[in-house]
């Protein structure tokens, strides 16, 4: 009886000392011999989860409480295992949520303050990233990935030296010009957005990255034109330019060079940063960069204030209220296909197959 009680007690996780029979010799002061206690302490330290409070020794050994059956012990063990697994899953969720909070806080800080200048001696893993590289709705970054209005990040590779409509609405049309590089080793083409052409009302706005064989950190690599005329804006942080031809249109530098923000009141806000492909980037991603071109491109962040529900384009369609995402969003790299229907004959052409541009009533009708 005592042996069975000890085994049942041990199965439930009780301390070994609590499972000793009443026949254990007593000391002169009436207490029990604790010579086995060091070994019991060792077992206690190794046991997880911690043992429950043990019933009185006399109850187990004298028959006042019968040892629990094996089935009860198995159920208790299963419940304990489920509880441990649940705690671990909860811990992973909390850790993941905390990481997202840190990333979002860092991203917000970057977006609200002028981005860091890229230092030559910085760790490449901590190198300054442009506003477009934060995965918020309306961003375009790198080889190019887009984060749609629905919050899903996907890739659209386009084709080298061709133009594609990324946003097409009734009175707003944005095309992007793609540049590329072919890596013969991996037989793969990589593309980036080099420039955008924004058509609204009777106006045309061009924002592009200037080609550079060697990237110079202190040199401005962004070209901007409005209705065919160049816009000269001082190379100073927060320097501004305000249009006289279109009310509500303004430009502002968010860094001394290579980062600008274009605003059209009640219509859109576009942040753009010129970024090169470094040797480190090429080595990591196998871009196949050569000494002939630093592959300067633009990363963007778009904000739209008055899109209609018929908007289309690589990015624009994701802002429709009835948009259904048909990509495999569980894939490591969700890719949007159908490049031919987004193809435009020129940077300011509105002839892509999904074009919605009608230019009715000017830009003020869109803002209204």
Protein backbone atom coordinates (compact mmCIF):
# COMPACT_ATOMS: atom_id res chain seq x y z
CA UNK A 1 0.00 0.00 0.00
CA UNK A 2 2.76 2.43 0.95
CA UNK A 3 4.71 1.63 -2.21
CA UNK A 4 1.66 2.19 -4.46
CA UNK A 5 0.91 5.48 -2.73
CA UNK A 6 4.48 6.63 -3.22
CA UNK A 7 4.35 5.81 -6.97
CA UNK A 8 1.00 7.58 -7.46
CA UNK A 9 2.22 10.59 -5.53
CA UNK A 10 5.39 10.75 -7.65
CA UNK A 11 3.35 10.56 -10.89
CA UNK A 12 1.38 13.62 -9.88
CA UNK A 13 4.57 15.56 -9.40
CA UNK A 14 4.59 15.63 -5.62
CA UNK A 15 7.81 16.06 -3.73
CA UNK A 16 9.51 12.73 -3.04
CA UNK A 17 9.83 13.61 0.65
CA UNK A 18 6.04 13.89 0.86
CA UNK A 19 5.66 10.34 -0.43
CA UNK A 20 7.70 8.67 2.30
CA UNK A 21 5.75 6.13 4.41
CA UNK A 22 4.94 6.58 8.06
CA UNK A 23 7.46 3.87 8.86
CA UNK A 24 10.28 6.38 8.35
CA UNK A 25 12.27 6.61 11.60
CA UNK A 26 11.73 9.62 13.81
CA UNK A 27 14.38 11.68 15.55
CA UNK A 28 14.42 12.40 19.26
CA UNK A 29 12.47 15.65 18.81
CA UNK A 30 9.68 13.85 16.92
CA UNK A 31 10.63 15.05 13.44
CA UNK A 32 11.31 12.64 10.59
CA UNK A 33 14.72 11.69 9.29
CA UNK A 34 15.65 14.06 6.43
CA UNK A 35 18.81 12.31 5.23
CA UNK A 36 17.15 11.82 1.83
CA UNK A 37 16.26 15.53 1.55
CA UNK A 38 19.30 16.60 -0.58
CA UNK A 39 18.33 14.10 -3.26
CA UNK A 40 14.71 15.27 -3.07
CA UNK A 41 15.81 18.89 -3.48
CA UNK A 42 17.76 17.87 -6.57
CA UNK A 43 14.63 16.27 -8.03
CA UNK A 44 12.59 19.34 -7.15
CA UNK A 45 14.92 21.67 -9.03
CA UNK A 46 14.73 19.51 -12.19
CA UNK A 47 10.96 19.12 -12.17
CA UNK A 48 8.74 21.38 -14.33
CA UNK A 49 6.05 22.50 -13.87
CA UNK A 50 6.56 23.03 -10.11
CA UNK A 51 4.96 20.33 -7.92
CA UNK A 52 1.52 20.90 -6.50
CA UNK A 53 0.86 21.02 -2.79
CA UNK A 54 1.00 17.45 -1.46
CA UNK A 55 -1.70 15.89 0.72
CA UNK A 56 -0.79 14.93 4.24
CA UNK A 57 1.49 11.89 4.46
CA UNK A 58 -0.85 10.15 6.83
CA UNK A 59 -3.75 10.51 4.36
CA UNK A 60 -1.80 8.78 1.61
CA UNK A 61 -0.42 5.95 3.69
CA UNK A 62 -3.26 5.22 6.08
CA UNK A 63 -5.99 4.95 3.47
CA UNK A 64 -7.85 8.18 4.27
CA UNK A 65 -7.34 9.22 0.61
CA UNK A 66 -6.92 6.58 -2.08
CA UNK A 67 -4.16 7.06 -4.67
CA UNK A 68 -5.57 8.48 -7.92
CA UNK A 69 -5.95 5.96 -10.77
CA UNK A 70 -3.50 5.92 -13.67
CA UNK A 71 -6.10 7.44 -16.03
CA UNK A 72 -6.40 10.51 -13.80
CA UNK A 73 -2.63 10.89 -13.78
CA UNK A 74 -2.53 10.67 -17.58
CA UNK A 75 -5.27 13.31 -17.91
CA UNK A 76 -3.42 15.58 -15.51
CA UNK A 77 -0.20 15.10 -17.49
CA UNK A 78 -1.96 15.96 -20.75
CA UNK A 79 -3.54 19.05 -19.25
CA UNK A 80 -0.14 20.16 -17.95
CA UNK A 81 1.45 19.61 -21.38
CA UNK A 82 -1.31 21.65 -23.07
CA UNK A 83 -0.88 24.43 -20.52
CA UNK A 84 2.88 24.56 -21.12
CA UNK A 85 2.39 24.64 -24.91
CA UNK A 86 -0.19 27.41 -24.54
CA UNK A 87 2.17 29.45 -22.41
CA UNK A 88 4.97 29.04 -24.95
CA UNK A 89 2.69 30.08 -27.83
CA UNK A 90 1.51 33.08 -25.85
CA UNK A 91 5.11 34.04 -25.18
CA UNK A 92 5.93 33.83 -28.91
CA UNK A 93 2.92 35.99 -29.75
CA UNK A 94 3.92 38.59 -27.17
CA UNK A 95 7.50 38.59 -28.46
CA UNK A 96 6.33 38.96 -32.09
CA UNK A 97 3.94 41.75 -31.11
CA UNK A 98 6.71 43.55 -29.25
CA UNK A 99 9.00 43.33 -32.26
CA UNK A 100 6.26 44.81 -34.48
CA UNK A 101 5.78 47.64 -31.96
CA UNK A 102 9.51 48.40 -32.02
CA UNK A 103 9.64 48.29 -35.84
CA UNK A 104 6.59 50.54 -36.18
CA UNK A 105 7.93 52.99 -33.63
CA UNK A 106 11.25 53.12 -35.48
CA UNK A 107 9.48 53.52 -38.80
CA UNK A 108 7.32 56.37 -37.49
CA UNK A 109 10.40 58.08 -36.12
CA UNK A 110 12.10 57.83 -39.49
CA UNK A 111 9.07 59.15 -41.32
CA UNK A 112 8.59 62.16 -39.05
CA UNK A 113 12.21 63.29 -38.99
CA UNK A 114 14.76 63.86 -41.74
CA UNK A 115 16.35 60.50 -42.61
CA UNK A 116 19.93 59.87 -41.62
CA UNK A 117 22.67 60.55 -44.06
CA UNK A 118 24.31 57.33 -45.10
CA UNK A 119 27.79 57.12 -43.58
CA UNK A 120 30.60 55.29 -45.35
CA UNK A 121 31.67 53.54 -42.16
CA UNK A 122 28.22 52.49 -41.00
CA UNK A 123 27.33 48.86 -40.55
CA UNK A 124 25.49 47.91 -43.79
CA UNK A 125 22.77 46.21 -41.76
CA UNK A 126 21.94 49.55 -40.12
CA UNK A 127 22.35 51.69 -43.20
CA UNK A 128 19.77 54.44 -43.70
CA UNK A 129 16.65 53.30 -45.52
CA UNK A 130 14.40 55.69 -47.42
CA UNK A 131 10.77 56.33 -46.40
CA UNK A 132 9.56 54.03 -49.18
CA UNK A 133 11.21 51.01 -47.58
CA UNK A 134 8.89 50.97 -44.60
CA UNK A 135 6.09 48.54 -45.37
CA UNK A 136 3.18 50.93 -44.96
CA UNK A 137 0.28 51.12 -47.44
CA UNK A 138 1.33 53.02 -50.54
CA UNK A 139 5.05 52.24 -50.53
CA UNK A 140 7.31 51.13 -53.35
CA UNK A 141 10.81 49.94 -52.62
CA UNK A 142 13.77 48.21 -54.20
CA UNK A 143 13.33 45.46 -56.79
CA UNK A 144 10.24 46.80 -56.68
CA UNK A 145 7.99 45.64 -53.92
CA UNK A 146 4.71 47.45 -53.29
CA UNK A 147 2.58 47.58 -50.17
CA UNK A 148 -1.00 48.03 -51.31
CA UNK A 149 -3.87 49.92 -49.79
CA UNK A 150 -4.97 46.64 -48.20
CA UNK A 151 -1.64 46.34 -46.38
CA UNK A 152 -0.35 43.35 -48.40
CA UNK A 153 3.23 43.53 -49.71
CA UNK A 154 3.87 42.07 -53.17
CA UNK A 155 6.32 42.31 -56.07
CA UNK A 156 5.80 43.65 -59.57
CA UNK A 157 8.90 43.29 -61.72
CA UNK A 158 7.74 44.96 -64.94
CA UNK A 159 10.40 45.09 -67.65
CA UNK A 160 13.63 46.96 -68.17
CA UNK A 161 13.37 50.33 -70.01
CA UNK A 162 9.56 50.23 -70.14
CA UNK A 163 6.77 52.24 -68.52
CA UNK A 164 3.85 50.89 -66.51
CA UNK A 165 0.83 52.59 -64.96
CA UNK A 166 0.84 52.16 -61.22
CA UNK A 167 -2.13 54.44 -60.46
CA UNK A 168 -4.88 55.38 -62.90
CA UNK A 169 -7.95 57.28 -61.78
CA UNK A 170 -10.46 59.58 -63.41
CA UNK A 171 -8.27 62.66 -63.12
CA UNK A 172 -4.95 61.29 -61.87
CA UNK A 173 -2.51 59.04 -63.68
CA UNK A 174 0.93 57.91 -62.49
CA UNK A 175 3.33 55.91 -64.65
CA UNK A 176 6.65 54.45 -63.53
CA UNK A 177 9.76 53.96 -65.67
CA UNK A 178 11.69 50.78 -64.88
CA UNK A 179 15.42 50.24 -65.23
CA UNK A 180 17.06 46.86 -64.88
CA UNK A 181 20.14 44.72 -64.77
CA UNK A 182 20.72 41.18 -66.01
CA UNK A 183 22.79 38.74 -64.00
CA UNK A 184 24.07 36.14 -66.50
CA UNK A 185 25.25 33.84 -63.71
CA UNK A 186 21.73 33.37 -62.31
CA UNK A 187 19.96 34.11 -65.64
CA UNK A 188 17.70 36.59 -63.94
CA UNK A 189 16.64 40.18 -64.59
CA UNK A 190 16.31 42.67 -61.73
CA UNK A 191 14.31 45.89 -62.06
CA UNK A 192 13.90 49.14 -60.14
CA UNK A 193 11.79 52.29 -60.57
CA UNK A 194 13.95 55.09 -61.96
CA UNK A 195 11.27 57.76 -62.45
CA UNK A 196 7.56 58.52 -62.27
CA UNK A 197 5.40 60.72 -64.47
CA UNK A 198 2.36 62.21 -62.72
CA UNK A 199 -0.46 63.55 -64.90
CA UNK A 200 -3.23 65.55 -63.23
CA UNK A 201 -5.52 68.07 -64.87
CA UNK A 202 -3.50 69.85 -67.56
CA UNK A 203 -0.22 69.37 -65.73
CA UNK A 204 2.68 66.94 -65.87
CA UNK A 205 5.12 66.35 -63.05
CA UNK A 206 8.33 64.37 -63.48
CA UNK A 207 10.40 62.99 -60.59
CA UNK A 208 13.41 60.89 -61.57
CA UNK A 209 16.76 59.61 -60.39
CA UNK A 210 19.80 60.77 -62.31
CA UNK A 211 22.09 58.01 -63.59
CA UNK A 212 25.49 57.87 -61.91
CA UNK A 213 28.47 55.65 -62.56
CA UNK A 214 29.79 56.37 -59.07
CA UNK A 215 27.49 57.31 -56.22
CA UNK A 216 28.47 60.55 -54.51
CA UNK A 217 26.87 60.91 -51.10
CA UNK A 218 26.84 64.71 -51.07
CA UNK A 219 25.54 65.09 -54.63
CA UNK A 220 21.83 65.44 -55.39
CA UNK A 221 20.61 62.70 -57.77
CA UNK A 222 16.95 63.75 -58.13
CA UNK A 223 15.63 65.60 -61.18
CA UNK A 224 12.22 67.31 -61.03
CA UNK A 225 10.32 69.03 -63.84
CA UNK A 226 6.87 70.57 -63.95
CA UNK A 227 5.15 70.99 -67.32
CA UNK A 228 8.52 70.43 -69.01
CA UNK A 229 10.42 73.07 -67.04
CA UNK A 230 13.05 72.13 -64.45
CA UNK A 231 12.42 72.89 -60.80
CA UNK A 232 15.43 74.24 -58.97
CA UNK A 233 15.15 73.85 -55.23
CA UNK A 234 17.90 74.74 -52.77
CA UNK A 235 19.99 71.88 -51.43
CA UNK A 236 19.06 72.50 -47.82
CA UNK A 237 16.94 70.57 -45.42
CA UNK A 238 13.28 71.74 -45.47
CA UNK A 239 13.89 73.94 -48.52
CA UNK A 240 10.57 74.53 -50.32
CA UNK A 241 9.18 75.33 -53.75
CA UNK A 242 5.59 76.44 -54.35
CA UNK A 243 3.96 76.36 -57.77
CA UNK A 244 2.43 79.51 -59.24
CA UNK A 245 0.67 77.61 -62.02
CA UNK A 246 -1.17 75.13 -59.79
CA UNK A 247 -2.52 76.16 -56.42
CA UNK A 248 -1.78 73.72 -53.62
CA UNK A 249 1.25 72.16 -55.35
CA UNK A 250 4.50 72.33 -53.38
CA UNK A 251 7.83 70.54 -52.99
CA UNK A 252 9.95 70.19 -49.89
CA UNK A 253 13.33 68.60 -49.24
CA UNK A 254 13.26 66.14 -46.37
CA UNK A 255 17.06 65.95 -46.39
CA UNK A 256 19.80 68.16 -47.79
CA UNK A 257 19.98 66.01 -50.94
CA UNK A 258 18.30 62.93 -52.46
CA UNK A 259 15.02 63.08 -50.52
CA UNK A 260 11.98 65.17 -51.47
CA UNK A 261 8.27 65.33 -50.79
CA UNK A 262 5.65 66.50 -53.29
CA UNK A 263 2.23 67.64 -52.06
CA UNK A 264 -0.91 68.50 -53.98
CA UNK A 265 -3.50 69.68 -51.49
CA UNK A 266 -6.40 67.25 -51.02
CA UNK A 267 -5.09 64.97 -53.79
CA UNK A 268 -1.78 63.27 -53.00
CA UNK A 269 1.50 63.35 -51.11
CA UNK A 270 4.54 61.59 -52.60
CA UNK A 271 7.84 61.06 -50.78
CA UNK A 272 10.80 59.99 -52.92
CA UNK A 273 14.39 59.13 -52.10
CA UNK A 274 17.25 58.35 -54.47
CA UNK A 275 19.10 55.18 -53.49
CA UNK A 276 22.03 53.39 -55.19
CA UNK A 277 22.77 49.69 -55.37
CA UNK A 278 25.92 49.25 -53.31
CA UNK A 279 28.49 46.51 -53.70
CA UNK A 280 27.20 45.05 -50.46
CA UNK A 281 23.62 45.00 -51.79
CA UNK A 282 24.76 43.39 -55.02
CA UNK A 283 26.70 40.73 -53.16
CA UNK A 284 23.78 39.85 -50.87
CA UNK A 285 21.07 39.79 -53.56
CA UNK A 286 23.19 38.74 -56.57
CA UNK A 287 22.21 41.83 -58.57
CA UNK A 288 25.29 41.55 -60.77
CA UNK A 289 26.18 45.24 -60.42
CA UNK A 290 29.15 46.40 -62.47
CA UNK A 291 31.48 49.39 -62.25
CA UNK A 292 29.64 51.05 -65.16
CA UNK A 293 26.46 51.92 -63.28
CA UNK A 294 25.48 52.35 -59.62
CA UNK A 295 21.82 51.66 -60.56
CA UNK A 296 20.43 54.72 -58.81
CA UNK A 297 16.66 54.34 -58.37
CA UNK A 298 13.82 55.82 -56.34
CA UNK A 299 11.95 54.50 -53.34
CA UNK A 300 8.50 56.00 -52.84
CA UNK A 301 5.77 56.44 -50.33
CA UNK A 302 2.39 57.49 -51.74
CA UNK A 303 -0.55 58.93 -49.84
CA UNK A 304 -3.82 59.52 -51.67
CA UNK A 305 -6.63 61.66 -50.32
CA UNK A 306 -9.41 61.45 -52.94
CA UNK A 307 -9.19 58.32 -55.07
CA UNK A 308 -12.42 57.12 -56.64
CA UNK A 309 -13.69 53.55 -56.45
CA UNK A 310 -12.75 52.84 -60.08
CA UNK A 311 -9.03 53.47 -59.58
CA UNK A 312 -6.74 50.90 -61.18
CA UNK A 313 -3.07 50.20 -61.82
CA UNK A 314 -0.39 48.10 -60.17
CA UNK A 315 -0.83 49.98 -56.89
CA UNK A 316 -4.05 51.90 -57.42
CA UNK A 317 -6.36 48.90 -57.65
CA UNK A 318 -5.55 47.90 -54.07
CA UNK A 319 -7.37 51.04 -52.86
CA UNK A 320 -10.75 50.00 -54.26
CA UNK A 321 -13.36 49.05 -51.69
CA UNK A 322 -14.26 45.93 -53.70
CA UNK A 323 -10.66 44.88 -54.43
CA UNK A 324 -10.05 41.13 -54.15
CA UNK A 325 -6.45 40.05 -53.79
CA UNK A 326 -5.85 37.03 -56.05
CA UNK A 327 -2.14 36.65 -55.32
CA UNK A 328 -0.73 33.90 -53.16
CA UNK A 329 -0.17 36.05 -50.09
CA UNK A 330 1.26 33.10 -48.16
CA UNK A 331 4.20 32.85 -50.56
CA UNK A 332 7.58 34.22 -49.53
CA UNK A 333 7.47 36.63 -52.49
CA UNK A 334 3.87 37.26 -53.67
CA UNK A 335 4.13 38.44 -57.29
CA UNK A 336 1.57 40.42 -59.25
CA UNK A 337 1.52 39.29 -62.86
CA UNK A 338 -0.31 40.70 -65.86
CA UNK A 339 2.41 43.17 -66.86
CA UNK A 340 1.02 43.70 -70.43
CA UNK A 341 -2.22 45.26 -69.19
CA UNK A 342 -0.26 47.86 -67.20
CA UNK A 343 2.13 48.70 -70.05
CA UNK A 344 2.14 52.35 -71.20
CA UNK A 345 3.72 53.65 -74.40
CA UNK A 346 5.37 56.57 -72.59
CA UNK A 347 5.98 58.03 -69.16
CA UNK A 348 3.10 60.51 -69.56
CA UNK A 349 0.90 58.30 -71.72
CA UNK A 350 -2.50 57.28 -70.37
CA UNK A 351 -3.04 54.42 -72.80
CA UNK A 352 -2.49 51.36 -70.60
CA UNK A 353 -5.24 48.75 -70.87
CA UNK A 354 -6.57 49.49 -67.36
CA UNK A 355 -6.46 53.28 -67.72
CA UNK A 356 -9.32 55.19 -66.09
CA UNK A 357 -7.97 58.66 -66.84
CA UNK A 358 -10.61 60.89 -68.45
CA UNK A 359 -9.53 64.41 -67.40
CA UNK A 360 -13.02 65.71 -66.64
CA UNK A 361 -13.20 69.10 -64.98
CA UNK A 362 -9.53 69.43 -64.04
CA UNK A 363 -7.75 68.48 -60.85
CA UNK A 364 -10.17 70.41 -58.64
CA UNK A 365 -12.96 67.97 -59.55
CA UNK A 366 -10.83 65.11 -58.22
CA UNK A 367 -10.08 66.98 -55.00
CA UNK A 368 -13.78 67.69 -54.49
